[in-house]
């Protein structure tokens, strides 16, 4: 692969949620895409703590669960370093989750000049345009990440909602995501 094709100056980063076998066992997918939406830079799967109204039932049924979502985010941020353009600073666009700022500072401290842009939930909502021919989310800074997350939910059968095909093993979800990244980025696979 040509090294120049991988370089980018803007990255959109966020997490998706899924589950392993049952909604009682939530998973996090840290996702990084290029600012122009042409490439998925990385997607890493991590385990989430139990949460919500099903947390007490999940704890009784499956016992304690170690949260590995921070490690998944760290692996994804680490992969961003290899695709940064040599031209200058990197723009990183995330939502307003407080952990992202400290993790970016820790990961890129002294290695990379970056500008962190946070998008609040109010800024990330689809606006209803009065003209139906206009795109409704014109000002969405995380459009490409949201678009690719929707494509992952659509194209990977195990990620669709309200279906019987679910992820049974975390490692297989990671392998499926790796194949989707290769497909989306148009990598040539040899068998």
N, C-alpha and C. Protein backbone atom coordinates (compact mmCIF):
# COMPACT_ATOMS: atom_id res chain seq x y z
N UNK A 1 0.85 -1.19 0.00
CA UNK A 1 0.00 0.00 0.00
C UNK A 1 0.89 1.23 0.00
N UNK A 2 0.53 2.17 -0.84
CA UNK A 2 1.27 3.42 -0.94
C UNK A 2 1.11 4.20 0.36
N UNK A 3 2.23 4.58 0.97
CA UNK A 3 2.22 5.27 2.27
C UNK A 3 1.52 6.62 2.18
N UNK A 4 1.61 7.30 1.04
CA UNK A 4 0.98 8.62 0.90
C UNK A 4 -0.54 8.54 0.97
N UNK A 5 -1.13 7.42 0.54
CA UNK A 5 -2.58 7.27 0.56
C UNK A 5 -3.12 7.21 1.99
N UNK A 6 -2.28 6.81 2.93
CA UNK A 6 -2.73 6.66 4.31
C UNK A 6 -2.69 7.96 5.10
N UNK A 7 -1.92 8.95 4.66
CA UNK A 7 -1.73 10.16 5.45
C UNK A 7 -2.99 11.01 5.50
N UNK A 8 -3.25 11.59 6.68
CA UNK A 8 -4.41 12.47 6.81
C UNK A 8 -4.11 13.56 7.83
N UNK A 9 -4.88 14.64 7.77
CA UNK A 9 -4.68 15.78 8.66
C UNK A 9 -5.84 15.97 9.63
N UNK A 10 -6.93 15.23 9.42
CA UNK A 10 -8.08 15.33 10.33
C UNK A 10 -8.60 13.92 10.61
N UNK A 11 -8.92 13.68 11.89
CA UNK A 11 -9.42 12.38 12.33
C UNK A 11 -10.67 12.60 13.16
N UNK A 12 -11.66 11.77 12.93
CA UNK A 12 -12.87 11.77 13.76
C UNK A 12 -12.84 10.50 14.61
N UNK A 13 -13.06 10.64 15.91
CA UNK A 13 -12.91 9.53 16.84
C UNK A 13 -14.10 9.47 17.79
N UNK A 14 -14.66 8.29 17.98
CA UNK A 14 -15.76 8.10 18.93
C UNK A 14 -15.91 6.60 19.17
N UNK A 15 -16.90 6.25 19.98
CA UNK A 15 -17.16 4.85 20.29
C UNK A 15 -18.59 4.49 19.90
N UNK A 16 -18.75 3.24 19.47
CA UNK A 16 -20.05 2.64 19.23
C UNK A 16 -20.28 1.62 20.33
N UNK A 17 -21.52 1.26 20.56
CA UNK A 17 -21.81 0.22 21.53
C UNK A 17 -22.48 -0.95 20.85
N UNK A 18 -22.17 -2.14 21.32
CA UNK A 18 -22.79 -3.36 20.86
C UNK A 18 -22.89 -4.28 22.07
N UNK A 19 -23.09 -5.55 21.84
CA UNK A 19 -23.14 -6.49 22.96
C UNK A 19 -22.64 -7.85 22.51
N UNK A 20 -22.27 -8.65 23.47
CA UNK A 20 -21.73 -9.99 23.24
C UNK A 20 -22.77 -11.00 23.71
N UNK A 21 -23.43 -11.65 22.79
CA UNK A 21 -24.41 -12.71 23.02
C UNK A 21 -25.73 -12.22 23.60
N UNK A 22 -25.70 -11.32 24.56
CA UNK A 22 -26.91 -10.80 25.18
C UNK A 22 -26.70 -9.34 25.56
N UNK A 23 -27.77 -8.59 25.65
CA UNK A 23 -27.66 -7.17 26.01
C UNK A 23 -27.12 -6.97 27.42
N UNK A 24 -27.06 -8.03 28.18
CA UNK A 24 -26.50 -7.94 29.53
C UNK A 24 -24.98 -7.81 29.51
N UNK A 25 -24.34 -8.10 28.36
CA UNK A 25 -22.88 -8.05 28.25
C UNK A 25 -22.47 -7.02 27.19
N UNK A 26 -22.43 -5.72 27.56
CA UNK A 26 -22.16 -4.67 26.57
C UNK A 26 -20.69 -4.63 26.12
N UNK A 27 -20.51 -4.19 24.88
CA UNK A 27 -19.18 -4.00 24.28
C UNK A 27 -19.06 -2.57 23.78
N UNK A 28 -17.82 -2.10 23.69
CA UNK A 28 -17.51 -0.80 23.13
C UNK A 28 -16.63 -0.99 21.90
N UNK A 29 -16.89 -0.24 20.85
CA UNK A 29 -16.06 -0.28 19.65
C UNK A 29 -15.49 1.11 19.44
N UNK A 30 -14.20 1.27 19.69
CA UNK A 30 -13.53 2.56 19.47
C UNK A 30 -13.26 2.67 17.97
N UNK A 31 -13.72 3.75 17.37
CA UNK A 31 -13.67 3.90 15.92
C UNK A 31 -12.99 5.22 15.55
N UNK A 32 -12.03 5.16 14.63
CA UNK A 32 -11.35 6.35 14.12
C UNK A 32 -11.43 6.33 12.60
N UNK A 33 -11.87 7.45 12.03
CA UNK A 33 -11.97 7.56 10.57
C UNK A 33 -11.27 8.84 10.13
N UNK A 34 -10.88 8.88 8.87
CA UNK A 34 -10.26 10.09 8.33
C UNK A 34 -11.32 11.17 8.21
N UNK A 35 -10.90 12.42 8.25
CA UNK A 35 -11.82 13.55 8.21
C UNK A 35 -12.63 13.66 6.94
N UNK A 36 -12.13 13.07 5.85
CA UNK A 36 -12.86 13.12 4.59
C UNK A 36 -13.73 11.88 4.38
N UNK A 37 -13.68 10.93 5.32
CA UNK A 37 -14.50 9.74 5.24
C UNK A 37 -14.04 8.69 4.25
N UNK A 38 -12.86 8.87 3.68
CA UNK A 38 -12.39 7.91 2.67
C UNK A 38 -11.77 6.66 3.28
N UNK A 39 -11.33 6.74 4.54
CA UNK A 39 -10.67 5.58 5.16
C UNK A 39 -11.11 5.40 6.60
N UNK A 40 -11.24 4.14 6.99
CA UNK A 40 -11.39 3.80 8.40
C UNK A 40 -9.97 3.56 8.90
N UNK A 41 -9.55 4.32 9.88
CA UNK A 41 -8.18 4.20 10.38
C UNK A 41 -8.03 3.01 11.33
N UNK A 42 -9.01 2.79 12.19
CA UNK A 42 -8.96 1.63 13.08
C UNK A 42 -10.29 1.47 13.80
N UNK A 43 -10.56 0.27 14.23
CA UNK A 43 -11.71 -0.05 15.07
C UNK A 43 -11.29 -1.15 16.02
N UNK A 44 -11.38 -0.91 17.31
CA UNK A 44 -10.97 -1.87 18.33
C UNK A 44 -12.13 -2.13 19.29
N UNK A 45 -12.31 -3.40 19.65
CA UNK A 45 -13.41 -3.82 20.51
C UNK A 45 -12.92 -3.94 21.94
N UNK A 46 -13.72 -3.46 22.88
CA UNK A 46 -13.43 -3.58 24.31
C UNK A 46 -14.69 -3.92 25.07
N UNK A 47 -14.52 -4.45 26.26
CA UNK A 47 -15.63 -4.83 27.13
C UNK A 47 -16.05 -3.62 27.96
N UNK A 48 -17.35 -3.43 28.15
CA UNK A 48 -17.87 -2.36 29.00
C UNK A 48 -18.41 -2.94 30.31
N UNK A 49 -18.39 -2.13 31.36
CA UNK A 49 -19.05 -2.50 32.61
C UNK A 49 -20.55 -2.65 32.35
N UNK A 50 -21.21 -3.39 33.23
CA UNK A 50 -22.67 -3.45 33.17
C UNK A 50 -23.21 -2.06 33.45
N UNK A 51 -24.32 -1.73 32.81
CA UNK A 51 -24.90 -0.40 33.03
C UNK A 51 -26.38 -0.43 32.75
N UNK A 52 -27.04 0.59 33.22
CA UNK A 52 -28.46 0.73 32.97
C UNK A 52 -29.32 -0.13 33.87
N UNK A 53 -30.58 -0.26 33.51
CA UNK A 53 -31.51 -1.00 34.35
C UNK A 53 -31.23 -2.50 34.44
N UNK A 54 -30.45 -3.03 33.51
CA UNK A 54 -30.14 -4.46 33.53
C UNK A 54 -28.85 -4.79 34.27
N UNK A 55 -28.20 -3.79 34.85
CA UNK A 55 -26.89 -4.00 35.48
C UNK A 55 -26.95 -4.99 36.64
N UNK A 56 -27.95 -4.87 37.51
CA UNK A 56 -28.02 -5.77 38.66
C UNK A 56 -28.30 -7.21 38.23
N UNK A 57 -29.17 -7.38 37.23
CA UNK A 57 -29.44 -8.72 36.71
C UNK A 57 -28.18 -9.31 36.07
N UNK A 58 -27.46 -8.51 35.29
CA UNK A 58 -26.23 -8.99 34.64
C UNK A 58 -25.19 -9.39 35.68
N UNK A 59 -25.05 -8.62 36.74
CA UNK A 59 -24.07 -8.94 37.79
C UNK A 59 -24.43 -10.26 38.46
N UNK A 60 -25.70 -10.47 38.74
CA UNK A 60 -26.11 -11.74 39.36
C UNK A 60 -25.88 -12.92 38.42
N UNK A 61 -26.15 -12.71 37.13
CA UNK A 61 -26.09 -13.81 36.18
C UNK A 61 -24.66 -14.14 35.73
N UNK A 62 -23.83 -13.10 35.47
CA UNK A 62 -22.50 -13.31 34.88
C UNK A 62 -21.34 -12.95 35.80
N UNK A 63 -21.60 -12.35 36.94
CA UNK A 63 -20.53 -11.98 37.86
C UNK A 63 -19.80 -10.72 37.41
N UNK A 64 -18.69 -10.40 38.09
CA UNK A 64 -17.94 -9.18 37.76
C UNK A 64 -17.40 -9.21 36.32
N UNK A 65 -17.29 -8.03 35.74
CA UNK A 65 -16.82 -7.88 34.36
C UNK A 65 -15.78 -6.78 34.33
N UNK A 66 -14.61 -7.07 33.79
CA UNK A 66 -13.52 -6.10 33.72
C UNK A 66 -13.71 -5.23 32.48
N UNK A 67 -13.70 -3.92 32.69
CA UNK A 67 -13.88 -2.95 31.61
C UNK A 67 -12.56 -2.79 30.86
N UNK A 68 -12.55 -3.11 29.56
CA UNK A 68 -11.35 -2.96 28.73
C UNK A 68 -11.55 -1.90 27.65
N UNK A 69 -12.57 -1.05 27.80
CA UNK A 69 -12.83 -0.05 26.76
C UNK A 69 -11.71 0.99 26.70
N UNK A 70 -11.08 1.30 27.82
CA UNK A 70 -9.97 2.26 27.82
C UNK A 70 -8.80 1.73 26.99
N UNK A 71 -8.49 0.43 27.12
CA UNK A 71 -7.42 -0.17 26.33
C UNK A 71 -7.76 -0.17 24.84
N UNK A 72 -9.03 -0.41 24.51
CA UNK A 72 -9.46 -0.37 23.11
C UNK A 72 -9.29 1.03 22.53
N UNK A 73 -9.66 2.05 23.32
CA UNK A 73 -9.47 3.43 22.86
C UNK A 73 -7.98 3.74 22.69
N UNK A 74 -7.15 3.26 23.61
CA UNK A 74 -5.70 3.51 23.52
C UNK A 74 -5.11 2.85 22.27
N UNK A 75 -5.52 1.63 21.95
CA UNK A 75 -5.02 0.96 20.75
C UNK A 75 -5.45 1.72 19.49
N UNK A 76 -6.66 2.22 19.49
CA UNK A 76 -7.15 2.98 18.33
C UNK A 76 -6.39 4.29 18.18
N UNK A 77 -6.19 5.00 19.29
CA UNK A 77 -5.43 6.27 19.23
C UNK A 77 -3.98 6.02 18.83
N UNK A 78 -3.40 4.92 19.27
CA UNK A 78 -2.02 4.58 18.90
C UNK A 78 -1.90 4.39 17.39
N UNK A 79 -2.92 3.81 16.78
CA UNK A 79 -2.88 3.58 15.33
C UNK A 79 -2.99 4.88 14.54
N UNK A 80 -3.51 5.93 15.17
CA UNK A 80 -3.62 7.22 14.47
C UNK A 80 -2.24 7.80 14.18
N UNK A 81 -1.28 7.54 15.06
CA UNK A 81 0.07 8.11 14.89
C UNK A 81 0.70 7.76 13.55
N UNK A 82 0.45 6.57 13.05
CA UNK A 82 1.12 6.13 11.82
C UNK A 82 0.52 6.75 10.56
N UNK A 83 -0.64 7.40 10.67
CA UNK A 83 -1.27 7.98 9.49
C UNK A 83 -1.31 9.50 9.51
N UNK A 84 -0.60 10.09 10.43
CA UNK A 84 -0.60 11.55 10.53
C UNK A 84 0.27 12.14 9.43
N UNK A 85 -0.26 13.15 8.78
CA UNK A 85 0.49 13.84 7.73
C UNK A 85 1.70 14.55 8.33
N UNK A 86 2.76 14.59 7.58
CA UNK A 86 3.99 15.25 8.02
C UNK A 86 3.89 16.77 7.92
N UNK A 87 2.79 17.29 7.35
CA UNK A 87 2.66 18.71 7.07
C UNK A 87 2.50 19.57 8.31
N UNK A 88 1.94 19.03 9.37
CA UNK A 88 1.72 19.89 10.53
C UNK A 88 0.82 19.25 11.56
N UNK A 89 -0.06 20.04 12.13
CA UNK A 89 -0.91 19.60 13.23
C UNK A 89 -2.05 18.71 12.75
N UNK A 90 -2.47 17.86 13.64
CA UNK A 90 -3.58 16.96 13.39
C UNK A 90 -4.83 17.53 14.08
N UNK A 91 -5.94 17.56 13.39
CA UNK A 91 -7.22 17.92 14.00
C UNK A 91 -7.93 16.64 14.41
N UNK A 92 -8.28 16.53 15.69
CA UNK A 92 -9.01 15.37 16.20
C UNK A 92 -10.38 15.85 16.65
N UNK A 93 -11.43 15.31 16.03
CA UNK A 93 -12.80 15.70 16.35
C UNK A 93 -13.44 14.55 17.12
N UNK A 94 -13.95 14.83 18.31
CA UNK A 94 -14.63 13.83 19.14
C UNK A 94 -15.91 14.43 19.68
N UNK A 95 -16.70 13.58 20.34
CA UNK A 95 -17.82 14.16 21.08
C UNK A 95 -17.30 14.67 22.42
N UNK A 96 -18.18 15.10 23.29
CA UNK A 96 -17.76 15.79 24.52
C UNK A 96 -17.46 14.86 25.69
N UNK A 97 -17.18 13.59 25.44
CA UNK A 97 -16.86 12.67 26.54
C UNK A 97 -15.58 13.15 27.22
N UNK A 98 -15.60 13.35 28.54
CA UNK A 98 -14.45 13.96 29.23
C UNK A 98 -13.16 13.15 29.15
N UNK A 99 -13.25 11.82 29.08
CA UNK A 99 -12.04 10.99 29.04
C UNK A 99 -11.22 11.19 27.77
N UNK A 100 -11.86 11.59 26.68
CA UNK A 100 -11.14 11.71 25.42
C UNK A 100 -10.01 12.73 25.50
N UNK A 101 -10.24 13.87 26.13
CA UNK A 101 -9.21 14.92 26.20
C UNK A 101 -7.97 14.41 26.93
N UNK A 102 -8.15 13.79 28.10
CA UNK A 102 -6.99 13.32 28.87
C UNK A 102 -6.28 12.18 28.14
N UNK A 103 -7.03 11.30 27.48
CA UNK A 103 -6.39 10.21 26.74
C UNK A 103 -5.62 10.71 25.53
N UNK A 104 -6.15 11.72 24.84
CA UNK A 104 -5.42 12.32 23.72
C UNK A 104 -4.15 13.00 24.21
N UNK A 105 -4.24 13.75 25.30
CA UNK A 105 -3.06 14.41 25.85
C UNK A 105 -1.99 13.39 26.23
N UNK A 106 -2.39 12.31 26.87
CA UNK A 106 -1.44 11.28 27.30
C UNK A 106 -0.81 10.59 26.09
N UNK A 107 -1.63 10.27 25.09
CA UNK A 107 -1.14 9.51 23.94
C UNK A 107 -0.21 10.33 23.05
N UNK A 108 -0.52 11.60 22.82
CA UNK A 108 0.23 12.41 21.86
C UNK A 108 1.18 13.40 22.50
N UNK A 109 1.32 13.38 23.81
CA UNK A 109 2.16 14.34 24.51
C UNK A 109 3.61 14.27 24.02
N UNK A 110 4.09 15.35 23.47
CA UNK A 110 5.46 15.43 22.99
C UNK A 110 5.72 14.75 21.66
N UNK A 111 4.79 13.94 21.15
CA UNK A 111 4.99 13.22 19.90
C UNK A 111 4.33 13.92 18.72
N UNK A 112 3.25 14.62 18.99
CA UNK A 112 2.41 15.09 17.91
C UNK A 112 1.72 16.39 18.32
N UNK A 113 1.66 17.33 17.39
CA UNK A 113 0.90 18.55 17.62
C UNK A 113 -0.52 18.28 17.14
N UNK A 114 -1.49 18.48 18.04
CA UNK A 114 -2.86 18.21 17.63
C UNK A 114 -3.80 19.27 18.18
N UNK A 115 -4.90 19.44 17.49
CA UNK A 115 -5.96 20.35 17.89
C UNK A 115 -7.19 19.51 18.17
N UNK A 116 -7.70 19.54 19.39
CA UNK A 116 -8.85 18.73 19.78
C UNK A 116 -10.12 19.57 19.69
N UNK A 117 -11.06 19.13 18.86
CA UNK A 117 -12.34 19.80 18.70
C UNK A 117 -13.42 18.88 19.26
N UNK A 118 -14.19 19.39 20.22
CA UNK A 118 -15.27 18.59 20.78
C UNK A 118 -16.60 19.06 20.21
N UNK A 119 -17.47 18.11 19.98
CA UNK A 119 -18.80 18.38 19.43
C UNK A 119 -19.81 17.97 20.49
N UNK A 120 -20.62 18.92 20.94
CA UNK A 120 -21.65 18.59 21.93
C UNK A 120 -22.80 17.87 21.24
N UNK A 121 -23.61 17.20 22.02
CA UNK A 121 -24.74 16.46 21.44
C UNK A 121 -25.71 17.37 20.72
N UNK A 122 -25.86 18.60 21.20
CA UNK A 122 -26.76 19.54 20.53
C UNK A 122 -26.24 19.90 19.14
N UNK A 123 -24.91 20.01 19.01
CA UNK A 123 -24.31 20.36 17.72
C UNK A 123 -24.35 19.20 16.74
N UNK A 124 -24.50 17.98 17.26
CA UNK A 124 -24.40 16.78 16.44
C UNK A 124 -25.77 16.26 15.98
N UNK A 125 -26.83 17.01 16.23
CA UNK A 125 -28.17 16.57 15.87
C UNK A 125 -28.49 16.97 14.44
N UNK A 126 -29.33 16.17 13.81
CA UNK A 126 -29.78 16.47 12.45
C UNK A 126 -30.79 17.61 12.51
N UNK A 127 -30.57 18.63 11.74
CA UNK A 127 -31.48 19.76 11.68
C UNK A 127 -32.50 19.51 10.54
N UNK A 128 -33.72 19.84 10.78
CA UNK A 128 -34.75 19.66 9.75
C UNK A 128 -34.74 20.87 8.84
N UNK A 129 -34.33 20.65 7.61
CA UNK A 129 -34.26 21.74 6.64
C UNK A 129 -35.64 22.04 6.08
N UNK A 130 -35.86 23.29 5.74
CA UNK A 130 -37.14 23.66 5.14
C UNK A 130 -37.19 23.22 3.68
N UNK A 131 -36.04 23.12 3.04
CA UNK A 131 -35.98 22.67 1.66
C UNK A 131 -35.59 21.19 1.65
N UNK A 132 -36.44 20.29 1.19
CA UNK A 132 -36.14 18.86 1.24
C UNK A 132 -35.00 18.42 0.34
N UNK A 133 -34.56 19.27 -0.60
CA UNK A 133 -33.46 18.90 -1.47
C UNK A 133 -32.10 19.14 -0.82
N UNK A 134 -32.05 19.89 0.29
CA UNK A 134 -30.80 20.17 0.98
C UNK A 134 -30.47 19.06 1.98
N UNK A 135 -29.19 18.80 2.16
CA UNK A 135 -28.77 17.84 3.18
C UNK A 135 -29.10 18.40 4.55
N UNK A 136 -29.65 17.58 5.44
CA UNK A 136 -30.15 18.06 6.72
C UNK A 136 -29.07 18.25 7.77
N UNK A 137 -27.93 17.60 7.61
CA UNK A 137 -26.89 17.68 8.64
C UNK A 137 -25.65 18.39 8.12
N UNK A 138 -25.84 19.54 7.53
CA UNK A 138 -24.76 20.29 6.90
C UNK A 138 -23.66 20.65 7.89
N UNK A 139 -24.00 21.05 9.09
CA UNK A 139 -23.01 21.49 10.06
C UNK A 139 -22.46 20.40 10.95
N UNK A 140 -22.73 19.15 10.68
CA UNK A 140 -22.29 18.05 11.52
C UNK A 140 -20.80 17.79 11.32
N UNK A 141 -19.98 18.12 12.32
CA UNK A 141 -18.53 17.92 12.21
C UNK A 141 -18.14 16.44 12.24
N UNK A 142 -19.02 15.59 12.77
CA UNK A 142 -18.72 14.16 12.85
C UNK A 142 -19.55 13.37 11.85
N UNK A 143 -19.89 13.99 10.74
CA UNK A 143 -20.73 13.32 9.74
C UNK A 143 -20.12 12.01 9.27
N UNK A 144 -18.84 12.02 8.91
CA UNK A 144 -18.24 10.82 8.33
C UNK A 144 -18.14 9.69 9.34
N UNK A 145 -17.84 9.98 10.57
CA UNK A 145 -17.81 8.92 11.59
C UNK A 145 -19.21 8.35 11.78
N UNK A 146 -20.22 9.19 11.87
CA UNK A 146 -21.59 8.71 12.03
C UNK A 146 -22.05 7.91 10.81
N UNK A 147 -21.64 8.35 9.63
CA UNK A 147 -21.98 7.64 8.40
C UNK A 147 -21.34 6.25 8.38
N UNK A 148 -20.07 6.16 8.73
CA UNK A 148 -19.38 4.87 8.72
C UNK A 148 -19.93 3.97 9.82
N UNK A 149 -20.26 4.51 10.98
CA UNK A 149 -20.89 3.71 12.04
C UNK A 149 -22.22 3.13 11.55
N UNK A 150 -22.98 3.93 10.81
CA UNK A 150 -24.24 3.44 10.25
C UNK A 150 -23.98 2.35 9.21
N UNK A 151 -22.94 2.51 8.41
CA UNK A 151 -22.59 1.47 7.43
C UNK A 151 -22.18 0.18 8.12
N UNK A 152 -21.43 0.29 9.21
CA UNK A 152 -21.04 -0.91 9.95
C UNK A 152 -22.29 -1.61 10.47
N UNK A 153 -23.22 -0.85 11.03
CA UNK A 153 -24.47 -1.44 11.54
C UNK A 153 -25.27 -2.08 10.40
N UNK A 154 -25.21 -1.51 9.21
CA UNK A 154 -25.96 -2.04 8.08
C UNK A 154 -25.27 -3.24 7.43
N UNK A 155 -23.97 -3.14 7.22
CA UNK A 155 -23.26 -4.14 6.43
C UNK A 155 -22.82 -5.38 7.22
N UNK A 156 -22.60 -5.26 8.51
CA UNK A 156 -22.20 -6.41 9.31
C UNK A 156 -23.45 -7.00 9.97
N UNK A 157 -23.79 -8.21 9.60
CA UNK A 157 -25.04 -8.81 10.08
C UNK A 157 -25.10 -8.86 11.60
N UNK A 158 -23.98 -9.11 12.25
CA UNK A 158 -23.97 -9.21 13.71
C UNK A 158 -24.17 -7.86 14.40
N UNK A 159 -24.05 -6.76 13.67
CA UNK A 159 -24.20 -5.43 14.26
C UNK A 159 -25.60 -4.84 14.05
N UNK A 160 -26.43 -5.49 13.23
CA UNK A 160 -27.78 -4.98 13.01
C UNK A 160 -28.59 -5.08 14.29
N UNK A 161 -29.55 -4.22 14.40
CA UNK A 161 -30.40 -4.23 15.59
C UNK A 161 -31.61 -5.14 15.37
N UNK A 162 -32.06 -5.74 16.46
CA UNK A 162 -33.27 -6.56 16.47
C UNK A 162 -33.20 -7.72 15.48
N UNK A 163 -32.09 -8.41 15.45
CA UNK A 163 -31.96 -9.62 14.65
C UNK A 163 -31.40 -10.72 15.55
N UNK A 164 -31.44 -11.95 15.05
CA UNK A 164 -30.97 -13.08 15.85
C UNK A 164 -29.48 -13.32 15.70
N UNK A 165 -28.87 -12.72 14.70
CA UNK A 165 -27.43 -12.91 14.53
C UNK A 165 -26.70 -11.92 15.43
N UNK A 166 -26.08 -12.44 16.47
CA UNK A 166 -25.36 -11.58 17.40
C UNK A 166 -23.94 -12.08 17.55
N UNK A 167 -23.09 -11.24 18.11
CA UNK A 167 -21.71 -11.62 18.38
C UNK A 167 -21.70 -12.57 19.56
N UNK A 168 -21.12 -13.74 19.37
CA UNK A 168 -21.01 -14.70 20.46
C UNK A 168 -19.64 -14.63 21.12
N UNK A 169 -18.62 -14.28 20.33
CA UNK A 169 -17.24 -14.23 20.82
C UNK A 169 -16.64 -12.89 20.40
N UNK A 170 -16.09 -12.16 21.36
CA UNK A 170 -15.55 -10.83 21.13
C UNK A 170 -14.48 -10.83 20.03
N UNK A 171 -13.60 -11.81 20.04
CA UNK A 171 -12.51 -11.87 19.06
C UNK A 171 -13.04 -12.00 17.63
N UNK A 172 -14.18 -12.68 17.47
CA UNK A 172 -14.75 -12.83 16.13
C UNK A 172 -15.34 -11.51 15.64
N UNK A 173 -15.89 -10.72 16.55
CA UNK A 173 -16.36 -9.38 16.17
C UNK A 173 -15.18 -8.54 15.70
N UNK A 174 -14.05 -8.62 16.41
CA UNK A 174 -12.85 -7.87 15.99
C UNK A 174 -12.38 -8.32 14.62
N UNK A 175 -12.38 -9.63 14.36
CA UNK A 175 -11.98 -10.14 13.05
C UNK A 175 -12.94 -9.67 11.95
N UNK A 176 -14.23 -9.66 12.25
CA UNK A 176 -15.22 -9.20 11.28
C UNK A 176 -15.02 -7.71 10.97
N UNK A 177 -14.74 -6.91 12.01
CA UNK A 177 -14.46 -5.49 11.80
C UNK A 177 -13.20 -5.29 10.97
N UNK A 178 -12.18 -6.10 11.21
CA UNK A 178 -10.94 -5.99 10.42
C UNK A 178 -11.20 -6.28 8.94
N UNK A 179 -12.04 -7.27 8.66
CA UNK A 179 -12.39 -7.55 7.27
C UNK A 179 -13.19 -6.40 6.65
N UNK A 180 -14.09 -5.81 7.42
CA UNK A 180 -14.85 -4.67 6.91
C UNK A 180 -13.94 -3.48 6.62
N UNK A 181 -12.96 -3.25 7.50
CA UNK A 181 -12.00 -2.16 7.27
C UNK A 181 -11.23 -2.41 5.98
N UNK A 182 -10.79 -3.64 5.77
CA UNK A 182 -10.07 -3.99 4.54
C UNK A 182 -10.95 -3.78 3.31
N UNK A 183 -12.21 -4.14 3.41
CA UNK A 183 -13.16 -3.94 2.31
C UNK A 183 -13.39 -2.45 2.05
N UNK A 184 -13.67 -1.70 3.11
CA UNK A 184 -13.99 -0.28 2.98
C UNK A 184 -12.79 0.50 2.44
N UNK A 185 -11.59 0.19 2.92
CA UNK A 185 -10.38 0.89 2.49
C UNK A 185 -9.82 0.35 1.18
N UNK A 186 -10.47 -0.66 0.62
CA UNK A 186 -10.06 -1.27 -0.65
C UNK A 186 -8.66 -1.85 -0.61
N UNK A 187 -8.35 -2.57 0.48
CA UNK A 187 -7.07 -3.25 0.58
C UNK A 187 -7.12 -4.52 -0.27
N UNK A 188 -5.99 -4.88 -0.81
CA UNK A 188 -5.89 -6.12 -1.57
C UNK A 188 -5.48 -7.23 -0.62
N UNK A 189 -6.33 -8.24 -0.45
CA UNK A 189 -6.04 -9.35 0.44
C UNK A 189 -5.50 -10.52 -0.37
N UNK A 190 -4.53 -11.19 0.17
CA UNK A 190 -4.01 -12.39 -0.50
C UNK A 190 -4.28 -13.60 0.39
N UNK A 191 -4.67 -14.66 -0.25
CA UNK A 191 -5.00 -15.88 0.51
C UNK A 191 -4.03 -16.97 0.21
